[in-house]
């Protein structure tokens, strides 16, 4: 595995981690808002569910990149 590919995979991993943390934070904030303001539940429920789905997809992408990194044998 060449150094350029290693760096690119490490960057992918780093980016997915950042996106995952942001997405989880977004979902938590929607949940906090609709728990604090019950009248907003209808307005934010769909956004909350979409952000949870995005988090799940990002976690899968993160795991896939980690798996490739592990398989080719350099540390994440």
N, C-alpha and C. Protein backbone atom coordinates (compact mmCIF):
# COMPACT_ATOMS: atom_id res chain seq x y z
N UNK A 1 0.85 -1.18 0.00
CA UNK A 1 0.00 0.00 0.00
C UNK A 1 0.89 1.24 0.00
N UNK A 2 0.64 2.12 -0.95
CA UNK A 2 1.48 3.32 -1.03
C UNK A 2 1.05 4.36 0.01
N UNK A 3 1.95 5.25 0.29
CA UNK A 3 1.76 6.27 1.33
C UNK A 3 0.58 7.18 0.99
N UNK A 4 0.41 7.51 -0.26
CA UNK A 4 -0.69 8.39 -0.68
C UNK A 4 -2.04 7.76 -0.34
N UNK A 5 -2.18 6.47 -0.61
CA UNK A 5 -3.43 5.76 -0.30
C UNK A 5 -3.64 5.68 1.21
N UNK A 6 -2.58 5.43 1.95
CA UNK A 6 -2.67 5.37 3.41
C UNK A 6 -3.17 6.71 3.97
N UNK A 7 -2.59 7.78 3.50
CA UNK A 7 -3.01 9.11 3.95
C UNK A 7 -4.47 9.39 3.59
N UNK A 8 -4.85 9.00 2.39
CA UNK A 8 -6.22 9.21 1.94
C UNK A 8 -7.21 8.44 2.81
N UNK A 9 -6.88 7.20 3.13
CA UNK A 9 -7.76 6.40 3.99
C UNK A 9 -7.82 6.98 5.40
N UNK A 10 -6.71 7.44 5.92
CA UNK A 10 -6.71 8.06 7.23
C UNK A 10 -7.57 9.33 7.24
N UNK A 11 -7.50 10.08 6.15
CA UNK A 11 -8.33 11.29 6.03
C UNK A 11 -9.81 10.92 5.95
N UNK A 12 -10.12 9.87 5.20
CA UNK A 12 -11.51 9.38 5.13
C UNK A 12 -12.01 9.03 6.53
N UNK A 13 -11.18 8.31 7.27
CA UNK A 13 -11.55 7.89 8.61
C UNK A 13 -11.79 9.10 9.51
N UNK A 14 -10.91 10.04 9.46
CA UNK A 14 -11.03 11.25 10.27
C UNK A 14 -12.30 12.03 9.91
N UNK A 15 -12.57 12.15 8.63
CA UNK A 15 -13.76 12.88 8.18
C UNK A 15 -15.04 12.18 8.63
N UNK A 16 -15.08 10.87 8.53
CA UNK A 16 -16.26 10.12 8.96
C UNK A 16 -16.49 10.27 10.46
N UNK A 17 -15.41 10.28 11.23
CA UNK A 17 -15.55 10.47 12.68
C UNK A 17 -16.15 11.83 13.00
N UNK A 18 -15.67 12.86 12.33
CA UNK A 18 -16.19 14.21 12.55
C UNK A 18 -17.66 14.28 12.16
N UNK A 19 -18.00 13.73 11.01
CA UNK A 19 -19.39 13.74 10.55
C UNK A 19 -20.30 12.97 11.50
N UNK A 20 -19.82 11.85 12.02
CA UNK A 20 -20.61 11.04 12.94
C UNK A 20 -20.89 11.80 14.23
N UNK A 21 -19.87 12.42 14.79
CA UNK A 21 -20.06 13.18 16.03
C UNK A 21 -21.05 14.32 15.80
N UNK A 22 -20.93 15.01 14.68
CA UNK A 22 -21.86 16.10 14.37
C UNK A 22 -23.29 15.59 14.22
N UNK A 23 -23.45 14.47 13.55
CA UNK A 23 -24.77 13.91 13.33
C UNK A 23 -25.40 13.44 14.64
N UNK A 24 -24.62 12.82 15.49
CA UNK A 24 -25.13 12.40 16.79
C UNK A 24 -25.54 13.62 17.61
N UNK A 25 -24.73 14.67 17.57
CA UNK A 25 -25.07 15.91 18.27
C UNK A 25 -26.36 16.51 17.76
N UNK A 26 -26.56 16.47 16.47
CA UNK A 26 -27.79 16.99 15.87
C UNK A 26 -29.00 16.19 16.35
N UNK A 27 -28.90 14.87 16.33
CA UNK A 27 -30.00 14.03 16.79
C UNK A 27 -30.31 14.29 18.26
N UNK A 28 -29.26 14.41 19.06
CA UNK A 28 -29.46 14.68 20.49
C UNK A 28 -30.16 16.02 20.71
N UNK A 29 -29.80 17.00 19.91
CA UNK A 29 -30.43 18.31 20.06
C UNK A 29 -31.91 18.28 19.66
N UNK A 30 -32.23 17.58 18.59
CA UNK A 30 -33.65 17.43 18.23
C UNK A 30 -34.41 16.75 19.36
N UNK A 31 -33.81 15.72 19.92
CA UNK A 31 -34.46 15.00 21.01
C UNK A 31 -34.63 15.91 22.23
N UNK A 32 -33.61 16.67 22.55
CA UNK A 32 -33.70 17.59 23.67
C UNK A 32 -34.81 18.62 23.45
N UNK A 33 -34.88 19.14 22.23
CA UNK A 33 -35.90 20.14 21.93
C UNK A 33 -37.31 19.58 22.05
N UNK A 34 -37.52 18.39 21.51
CA UNK A 34 -38.89 17.90 21.60
C UNK A 34 -39.23 17.36 22.97
N UNK A 35 -38.24 17.03 23.78
CA UNK A 35 -38.52 16.68 25.17
C UNK A 35 -38.82 17.92 26.01
N UNK A 36 -38.09 18.99 25.75
CA UNK A 36 -38.28 20.23 26.50
C UNK A 36 -39.54 20.97 26.07
N UNK A 37 -39.85 20.92 24.79
CA UNK A 37 -41.01 21.62 24.24
C UNK A 37 -41.92 20.62 23.53
N UNK A 38 -42.78 19.97 24.28
CA UNK A 38 -43.64 18.94 23.69
C UNK A 38 -44.43 19.40 22.46
N UNK A 39 -44.74 20.67 22.38
CA UNK A 39 -45.49 21.18 21.23
C UNK A 39 -44.67 21.06 19.94
N UNK A 40 -43.35 20.92 20.05
CA UNK A 40 -42.49 20.83 18.86
C UNK A 40 -42.34 19.41 18.34
N UNK A 41 -42.84 18.43 19.06
CA UNK A 41 -42.61 17.04 18.66
C UNK A 41 -42.96 16.77 17.21
N UNK A 42 -44.12 17.23 16.79
CA UNK A 42 -44.51 17.00 15.40
C UNK A 42 -43.59 17.69 14.42
N UNK A 43 -43.09 18.85 14.79
CA UNK A 43 -42.24 19.64 13.90
C UNK A 43 -40.83 19.05 13.77
N UNK A 44 -40.30 18.44 14.83
CA UNK A 44 -38.92 17.98 14.77
C UNK A 44 -38.76 16.47 14.69
N UNK A 45 -39.84 15.73 14.79
CA UNK A 45 -39.74 14.27 14.80
C UNK A 45 -39.07 13.75 13.52
N UNK A 46 -39.51 14.23 12.37
CA UNK A 46 -38.94 13.76 11.10
C UNK A 46 -37.46 14.11 11.00
N UNK A 47 -37.09 15.30 11.43
CA UNK A 47 -35.68 15.71 11.39
C UNK A 47 -34.85 14.84 12.33
N UNK A 48 -35.41 14.53 13.49
CA UNK A 48 -34.73 13.67 14.45
C UNK A 48 -34.48 12.28 13.84
N UNK A 49 -35.52 11.72 13.24
CA UNK A 49 -35.38 10.38 12.65
C UNK A 49 -34.38 10.38 11.49
N UNK A 50 -34.40 11.43 10.68
CA UNK A 50 -33.45 11.53 9.57
C UNK A 50 -32.02 11.63 10.08
N UNK A 51 -31.83 12.39 11.15
CA UNK A 51 -30.49 12.53 11.68
C UNK A 51 -30.00 11.25 12.33
N UNK A 52 -30.89 10.48 12.93
CA UNK A 52 -30.52 9.16 13.48
C UNK A 52 -30.14 8.20 12.35
N UNK A 53 -30.91 8.24 11.26
CA UNK A 53 -30.59 7.39 10.11
C UNK A 53 -29.23 7.77 9.52
N UNK A 54 -28.97 9.06 9.43
CA UNK A 54 -27.68 9.52 8.91
C UNK A 54 -26.54 9.04 9.81
N UNK A 55 -26.75 9.10 11.12
CA UNK A 55 -25.73 8.63 12.06
C UNK A 55 -25.43 7.15 11.86
N UNK A 56 -26.47 6.38 11.64
CA UNK A 56 -26.31 4.94 11.42
C UNK A 56 -25.51 4.68 10.14
N UNK A 57 -25.82 5.41 9.08
CA UNK A 57 -25.08 5.25 7.82
C UNK A 57 -23.62 5.65 7.99
N UNK A 58 -23.40 6.76 8.69
CA UNK A 58 -22.02 7.20 8.92
C UNK A 58 -21.23 6.19 9.74
N UNK A 59 -21.87 5.60 10.73
CA UNK A 59 -21.21 4.58 11.53
C UNK A 59 -20.81 3.40 10.65
N UNK A 60 -21.68 3.00 9.74
CA UNK A 60 -21.35 1.92 8.81
C UNK A 60 -20.19 2.28 7.91
N UNK A 61 -20.17 3.51 7.43
CA UNK A 61 -19.06 3.96 6.58
C UNK A 61 -17.75 3.98 7.37
N UNK A 62 -17.83 4.47 8.60
CA UNK A 62 -16.65 4.51 9.46
C UNK A 62 -16.10 3.11 9.69
N UNK A 63 -16.98 2.18 9.99
CA UNK A 63 -16.54 0.80 10.21
C UNK A 63 -15.93 0.19 8.96
N UNK A 64 -16.48 0.52 7.80
CA UNK A 64 -15.94 0.00 6.55
C UNK A 64 -14.52 0.52 6.31
N UNK A 65 -14.31 1.80 6.53
CA UNK A 65 -12.96 2.36 6.35
C UNK A 65 -12.00 1.76 7.37
N UNK A 66 -12.44 1.63 8.62
CA UNK A 66 -11.60 0.99 9.63
C UNK A 66 -11.25 -0.43 9.24
N UNK A 67 -12.20 -1.14 8.69
CA UNK A 67 -11.97 -2.52 8.27
C UNK A 67 -10.92 -2.60 7.17
N UNK A 68 -11.00 -1.70 6.22
CA UNK A 68 -10.02 -1.69 5.13
C UNK A 68 -8.64 -1.36 5.69
N UNK A 69 -8.57 -0.38 6.57
CA UNK A 69 -7.30 -0.01 7.18
C UNK A 69 -6.70 -1.19 7.92
N UNK A 70 -7.52 -1.89 8.69
CA UNK A 70 -7.05 -3.06 9.44
C UNK A 70 -6.58 -4.15 8.49
N UNK A 71 -7.34 -4.38 7.45
CA UNK A 71 -7.00 -5.45 6.50
C UNK A 71 -5.67 -5.20 5.80
N UNK A 72 -5.39 -3.95 5.45
CA UNK A 72 -4.13 -3.67 4.75
C UNK A 72 -2.98 -3.46 5.72
N UNK A 73 -3.29 -3.40 7.01
CA UNK A 73 -2.26 -3.48 8.01
C UNK A 73 -1.56 -2.21 8.45
N UNK A 74 -2.24 -1.12 8.50
CA UNK A 74 -1.64 0.04 9.14
C UNK A 74 -2.60 0.63 10.15
N UNK A 75 -2.09 1.24 11.20
CA UNK A 75 -2.91 1.66 12.33
C UNK A 75 -3.89 2.76 12.00
N UNK A 76 -5.05 2.72 12.69
CA UNK A 76 -6.04 3.78 12.52
C UNK A 76 -5.79 4.81 13.59
